[in-house]
N, C-alpha and C. Protein backbone atom coordinates (compact mmCIF):
# COMPACT_ATOMS: atom_id res chain seq x y z
N MET A 1 1.63 -8.44 7.02
CA MET A 1 2.78 -8.11 6.15
C MET A 1 3.86 -9.17 6.44
N ARG A 2 4.54 -9.60 5.41
CA ARG A 2 5.75 -10.36 5.58
C ARG A 2 6.84 -9.87 4.66
N ARG A 3 8.05 -9.99 5.16
CA ARG A 3 9.20 -9.61 4.34
C ARG A 3 9.52 -10.86 3.46
N ALA A 4 9.92 -10.61 2.27
CA ALA A 4 10.15 -11.76 1.34
C ALA A 4 11.46 -11.40 0.63
N ALA A 5 12.21 -12.49 0.24
CA ALA A 5 13.47 -12.34 -0.43
C ALA A 5 13.35 -12.85 -1.88
N GLY A 6 12.29 -13.62 -2.20
CA GLY A 6 12.12 -14.17 -3.52
C GLY A 6 10.74 -14.75 -3.65
N GLY A 7 10.32 -14.90 -4.92
CA GLY A 7 9.11 -15.57 -5.26
C GLY A 7 7.76 -14.81 -5.00
N PRO A 8 7.77 -13.50 -5.30
CA PRO A 8 6.48 -12.83 -5.20
C PRO A 8 5.59 -13.15 -6.35
N SER A 9 4.31 -12.76 -6.22
CA SER A 9 3.36 -13.05 -7.23
C SER A 9 3.53 -12.08 -8.40
N SER A 10 4.33 -11.03 -8.26
CA SER A 10 4.62 -10.09 -9.21
C SER A 10 6.06 -9.76 -9.18
N ARG A 11 6.66 -9.39 -10.35
CA ARG A 11 8.12 -9.00 -10.34
C ARG A 11 8.28 -7.49 -10.20
N PHE A 12 7.14 -6.83 -10.08
CA PHE A 12 7.14 -5.37 -9.96
C PHE A 12 6.37 -4.83 -8.76
N CYS A 13 6.83 -3.69 -8.13
CA CYS A 13 6.16 -3.05 -7.09
C CYS A 13 4.83 -2.69 -7.56
N HIS A 14 3.70 -2.91 -6.79
CA HIS A 14 2.43 -2.54 -7.23
C HIS A 14 2.19 -1.08 -6.95
N LEU A 15 3.03 -0.32 -6.31
CA LEU A 15 2.88 1.09 -5.97
C LEU A 15 3.61 1.95 -6.92
N CYS A 16 4.83 1.65 -7.15
CA CYS A 16 5.62 2.56 -8.02
C CYS A 16 5.92 1.92 -9.42
N GLY A 17 5.76 0.61 -9.54
CA GLY A 17 6.02 -0.06 -10.80
C GLY A 17 7.50 -0.47 -11.06
N SER A 18 8.39 -0.21 -10.10
CA SER A 18 9.77 -0.57 -10.34
C SER A 18 9.96 -2.03 -10.15
N GLU A 19 10.91 -2.59 -10.81
CA GLU A 19 11.28 -4.03 -10.70
C GLU A 19 11.75 -4.36 -9.30
N LEU A 20 11.24 -5.40 -8.81
CA LEU A 20 11.62 -5.83 -7.42
C LEU A 20 13.03 -6.49 -7.46
N ILE A 21 13.96 -5.84 -6.77
CA ILE A 21 15.29 -6.28 -6.68
C ILE A 21 15.64 -6.27 -5.13
N GLY A 22 16.11 -7.37 -4.62
CA GLY A 22 16.45 -7.34 -3.21
C GLY A 22 15.26 -7.50 -2.34
N GLN A 23 15.23 -6.80 -1.29
CA GLN A 23 14.06 -6.97 -0.26
C GLN A 23 12.81 -6.32 -0.77
N PHE A 24 11.66 -6.99 -0.54
CA PHE A 24 10.43 -6.43 -0.84
C PHE A 24 9.42 -6.88 0.22
N PHE A 25 8.20 -6.37 0.20
CA PHE A 25 7.19 -6.64 1.27
C PHE A 25 5.87 -7.16 0.61
N VAL A 26 5.28 -8.11 1.19
CA VAL A 26 3.93 -8.56 0.70
C VAL A 26 2.97 -8.42 1.85
N TYR A 27 1.78 -7.78 1.49
CA TYR A 27 0.70 -7.55 2.45
C TYR A 27 -0.48 -8.39 2.07
N ASP A 28 -0.84 -9.29 2.89
CA ASP A 28 -2.03 -10.15 2.74
C ASP A 28 -2.00 -10.84 1.35
N GLY A 29 -0.96 -11.08 0.75
CA GLY A 29 -0.91 -11.81 -0.55
C GLY A 29 -1.33 -10.95 -1.75
N ASP A 30 -1.78 -9.68 -1.49
CA ASP A 30 -2.37 -8.98 -2.69
C ASP A 30 -1.59 -7.72 -2.97
N LEU A 31 -0.79 -7.24 -2.10
CA LEU A 31 -0.02 -5.97 -2.26
C LEU A 31 1.49 -6.31 -2.17
N VAL A 32 2.22 -6.07 -3.19
CA VAL A 32 3.66 -6.29 -3.13
C VAL A 32 4.26 -4.89 -3.39
N CYS A 33 5.24 -4.55 -2.43
CA CYS A 33 5.91 -3.30 -2.63
C CYS A 33 7.39 -3.40 -2.34
N CYS A 34 8.09 -2.51 -3.00
CA CYS A 34 9.61 -2.49 -2.83
C CYS A 34 9.91 -1.86 -1.48
N ALA A 35 11.16 -1.95 -1.21
CA ALA A 35 11.71 -1.39 0.11
C ALA A 35 11.50 0.17 0.17
N ALA A 36 11.76 0.84 -1.01
CA ALA A 36 11.60 2.25 -1.06
C ALA A 36 10.21 2.75 -0.79
N CYS A 37 9.19 2.02 -1.34
CA CYS A 37 7.80 2.34 -1.12
C CYS A 37 7.39 2.04 0.37
N GLN A 38 7.99 0.96 0.87
CA GLN A 38 7.76 0.54 2.23
C GLN A 38 8.15 1.67 3.21
N ARG A 39 9.27 2.29 2.95
CA ARG A 39 9.76 3.37 3.75
C ARG A 39 9.16 4.74 3.54
N ALA A 40 8.82 5.07 2.36
CA ALA A 40 8.43 6.46 2.01
C ALA A 40 6.98 6.72 1.87
N ARG A 41 6.17 5.78 1.53
CA ARG A 41 4.75 6.01 1.28
C ARG A 41 3.91 6.31 2.49
N PRO A 42 2.99 7.20 2.37
CA PRO A 42 2.01 7.41 3.49
C PRO A 42 1.27 6.05 3.76
N ARG A 43 0.75 5.92 4.97
CA ARG A 43 0.15 4.71 5.46
C ARG A 43 -1.33 4.81 5.62
N CYS A 44 -2.09 3.71 5.36
CA CYS A 44 -3.52 3.66 5.72
C CYS A 44 -3.69 3.84 7.20
N ALA A 45 -4.67 4.74 7.58
CA ALA A 45 -4.97 5.09 8.87
C ALA A 45 -5.48 3.91 9.67
N ARG A 46 -6.05 2.97 9.00
CA ARG A 46 -6.76 1.82 9.61
C ARG A 46 -5.78 0.61 9.70
N CYS A 47 -5.13 0.17 8.62
CA CYS A 47 -4.38 -1.08 8.68
C CYS A 47 -2.86 -0.83 8.48
N SER A 48 -2.42 0.34 8.24
CA SER A 48 -1.01 0.72 8.07
C SER A 48 -0.32 0.19 6.86
N ARG A 49 -1.12 -0.26 5.84
CA ARG A 49 -0.50 -0.63 4.58
C ARG A 49 -0.03 0.64 3.85
N PRO A 50 0.99 0.55 2.99
CA PRO A 50 1.37 1.72 2.26
C PRO A 50 0.27 2.04 1.21
N LEU A 51 0.00 3.34 1.02
CA LEU A 51 -1.11 3.75 0.12
C LEU A 51 -0.64 3.91 -1.34
N ASP A 52 -1.59 3.53 -2.24
CA ASP A 52 -1.34 3.79 -3.65
C ASP A 52 -1.68 5.22 -3.97
N ASP A 53 -1.37 5.61 -5.17
CA ASP A 53 -1.63 7.03 -5.60
C ASP A 53 -3.06 7.40 -5.56
N ALA A 54 -4.00 6.47 -5.91
CA ALA A 54 -5.44 6.77 -5.80
C ALA A 54 -5.90 7.02 -4.36
N ALA A 55 -5.42 6.28 -3.49
CA ALA A 55 -5.82 6.40 -2.00
C ALA A 55 -5.24 7.77 -1.50
N ILE A 56 -4.07 8.12 -1.92
CA ILE A 56 -3.42 9.37 -1.48
C ILE A 56 -4.29 10.51 -2.04
N ALA A 57 -4.68 10.47 -3.33
CA ALA A 57 -5.49 11.50 -3.87
C ALA A 57 -6.89 11.58 -3.19
N ARG A 58 -7.48 10.44 -2.92
CA ARG A 58 -8.82 10.46 -2.09
C ARG A 58 -8.64 11.19 -0.79
N GLY A 59 -7.50 10.88 -0.08
CA GLY A 59 -7.23 11.49 1.17
C GLY A 59 -7.10 13.01 1.09
N ARG A 60 -6.49 13.48 0.00
CA ARG A 60 -6.23 14.97 -0.16
C ARG A 60 -7.59 15.62 -0.55
N ALA A 61 -8.48 14.80 -1.22
CA ALA A 61 -9.76 15.36 -1.68
C ALA A 61 -10.76 15.55 -0.49
N THR A 62 -10.50 14.81 0.57
CA THR A 62 -11.41 14.96 1.72
C THR A 62 -10.61 15.37 2.97
N PRO A 63 -10.32 16.72 3.13
CA PRO A 63 -9.46 17.08 4.24
C PRO A 63 -10.18 16.73 5.53
N GLY A 64 -9.41 16.36 6.48
CA GLY A 64 -9.93 16.08 7.84
C GLY A 64 -10.35 14.65 7.94
N SER A 65 -10.39 13.94 6.83
CA SER A 65 -10.76 12.54 6.83
C SER A 65 -9.51 11.67 6.73
N PRO A 66 -9.33 10.58 7.47
CA PRO A 66 -8.11 9.76 7.40
C PRO A 66 -8.00 9.11 6.03
N ALA A 67 -6.73 9.02 5.55
CA ALA A 67 -6.48 8.35 4.25
C ALA A 67 -6.54 6.84 4.51
N LEU A 68 -7.36 6.19 3.65
CA LEU A 68 -7.58 4.76 3.76
C LEU A 68 -7.15 4.04 2.47
N CYS A 69 -6.68 2.77 2.57
CA CYS A 69 -6.37 2.02 1.40
C CYS A 69 -7.73 1.57 0.75
N ALA A 70 -7.73 1.01 -0.43
CA ALA A 70 -9.00 0.65 -1.13
C ALA A 70 -9.73 -0.41 -0.29
N ARG A 71 -9.06 -1.39 0.32
CA ARG A 71 -9.70 -2.36 1.17
C ARG A 71 -10.38 -1.81 2.30
N CYS A 72 -9.72 -0.99 3.06
CA CYS A 72 -10.32 -0.29 4.22
C CYS A 72 -11.48 0.58 3.86
N GLN A 73 -11.32 1.32 2.64
CA GLN A 73 -12.35 2.20 2.19
C GLN A 73 -13.62 1.47 2.01
N ARG A 74 -13.52 0.28 1.40
CA ARG A 74 -14.67 -0.53 1.09
C ARG A 74 -15.41 -1.05 2.42
N GLU A 75 -14.47 -1.42 3.49
CA GLU A 75 -14.98 -1.96 4.67
C GLU A 75 -15.39 -0.96 5.77
N ALA A 76 -14.95 0.33 5.58
CA ALA A 76 -15.26 1.34 6.59
C ALA A 76 -16.75 1.65 6.75
N LYS A 77 -17.14 1.78 8.05
CA LYS A 77 -18.53 2.17 8.28
C LYS A 77 -18.69 3.60 7.93
N ARG A 78 -19.88 3.92 7.45
CA ARG A 78 -20.22 5.35 7.05
C ARG A 78 -21.46 5.73 7.78
N CYS A 79 -21.54 7.03 8.12
CA CYS A 79 -22.78 7.47 8.74
C CYS A 79 -23.55 8.28 7.77
């Protein structure tokens, strides 16, 4: 993750859709989020990235299982 002050690949937060104004965060070049989502969103249990709505819903659908972002969900080992 890196903090950025200008020049993101998107002008909008990928999590809430709000326009990026002021400080925002870029995770591995593919997730851009606003400061509000950075503070308030639940985190991936594996990589600590803020979770999108789909990942939060997946986590609620499988109680007792850690909530994972889409990337970690694809890479996670399953038994």
